[in-house]
Amino acid sequence: MDFILGNGEVAIEVKGQKLVDNKELKSLAAFIEENHPKKAIVISNESEARRVGPISVLPWRAFLEELWAGEIVS
């Protein structure tokens, strides 16, 4: 886990890849099971946003836009 925001409400992991595969989501998935954050996000160099179960995989620019708009931590 790279960042925990909002009193544990948002778990964020940062990956440099253009395509994040499922094995790279294991640590975040384990954190979700143990801590039950409201949001779980992987920030990456992918070109499109997508969901893998409870995890949002976001391009870094989309993440920053949502963060600045106040949509990540409420």
Protein backbone atom coordinates (compact mmCIF):
# COMPACT_ATOMS: atom_id res chain seq x y z
CA MET A 1 0.00 0.00 0.00
CA ASP A 2 1.43 3.35 -0.98
CA PHE A 3 -1.12 5.74 0.53
CA ILE A 4 -4.02 5.59 2.94
CA LEU A 5 -6.27 8.66 2.86
CA GLY A 6 -9.19 9.94 4.88
CA ASN A 7 -8.73 7.96 8.11
CA GLY A 8 -8.39 4.67 6.24
CA GLU A 9 -11.29 5.29 3.85
CA VAL A 10 -9.22 5.21 0.65
CA ALA A 11 -6.39 2.78 -0.12
CA ILE A 12 -4.10 3.74 -2.99
CA GLU A 13 -1.37 1.81 -4.73
CA VAL A 14 0.80 3.30 -7.49
CA LYS A 15 2.10 1.20 -10.39
CA GLY A 16 4.28 2.39 -13.27
CA GLN A 17 3.06 -0.16 -15.80
CA LYS A 18 0.90 0.52 -18.84
CA LEU A 19 -1.07 -2.62 -17.97
CA VAL A 20 -1.56 -3.74 -14.38
CA ASP A 21 -2.22 -7.47 -14.19
CA ASN A 22 -4.19 -9.30 -11.51
CA LYS A 23 -1.15 -10.63 -9.65
CA GLU A 24 -0.11 -7.04 -8.97
CA LEU A 25 -3.45 -6.41 -7.27
CA LYS A 26 -2.99 -9.13 -4.63
CA SER A 27 -1.57 -6.90 -1.89
CA LEU A 28 -4.35 -4.36 -2.35
CA ALA A 29 -6.96 -7.13 -2.37
CA ALA A 30 -5.52 -8.46 0.91
CA PHE A 31 -5.67 -4.98 2.41
CA ILE A 32 -9.31 -4.65 1.35
CA GLU A 33 -10.21 -7.95 3.04
CA GLU A 34 -8.55 -6.91 6.28
CA ASN A 35 -9.44 -3.22 6.49
CA HIS A 36 -12.57 -2.68 4.36
CA PRO A 37 -11.79 0.76 2.89
CA LYS A 38 -14.63 2.54 1.08
CA LYS A 39 -12.43 2.92 -2.01
CA ALA A 40 -9.43 1.04 -3.37
CA ILE A 41 -7.52 2.61 -6.23
CA VAL A 42 -4.53 1.66 -8.35
CA ILE A 43 -2.95 4.61 -10.13
CA SER A 44 -1.10 3.57 -13.27
CA ASN A 45 -0.02 4.48 -16.78
CA GLU A 46 -2.99 2.63 -18.28
CA SER A 47 -4.88 4.61 -20.92
CA GLU A 48 -8.42 3.81 -19.71
CA ALA A 49 -10.07 3.53 -16.31
CA ARG A 50 -11.40 0.10 -15.38
CA ARG A 51 -12.59 -1.94 -12.40
CA VAL A 52 -11.30 -5.26 -11.14
CA GLY A 53 -13.83 -6.29 -8.52
CA PRO A 54 -13.74 -3.62 -5.80
CA ILE A 55 -10.54 -2.04 -7.18
CA SER A 56 -10.57 0.97 -9.51
CA VAL A 57 -7.59 1.08 -11.86
CA LEU A 58 -7.15 4.68 -12.97
CA PRO A 59 -4.80 6.44 -15.36
CA TRP A 60 -2.78 8.92 -13.30
CA ARG A 61 -4.35 11.94 -15.00
CA ALA A 62 -7.88 10.70 -14.29
CA PHE A 63 -6.90 10.13 -10.66
CA LEU A 64 -5.56 13.68 -10.32
CA GLU A 65 -8.70 15.14 -11.91
CA GLU A 66 -10.90 13.21 -9.45
CA LEU A 67 -8.66 14.13 -6.52
CA TRP A 68 -8.70 17.85 -7.37
CA ALA A 69 -12.48 17.71 -7.88
CA GLY A 70 -12.88 16.29 -4.37
CA GLU A 71 -14.18 12.93 -5.61
CA ILE A 72 -11.54 10.67 -4.02
CA VAL A 73 -11.87 11.60 -0.35
CA SER A 74 -15.24 12.84 0.81
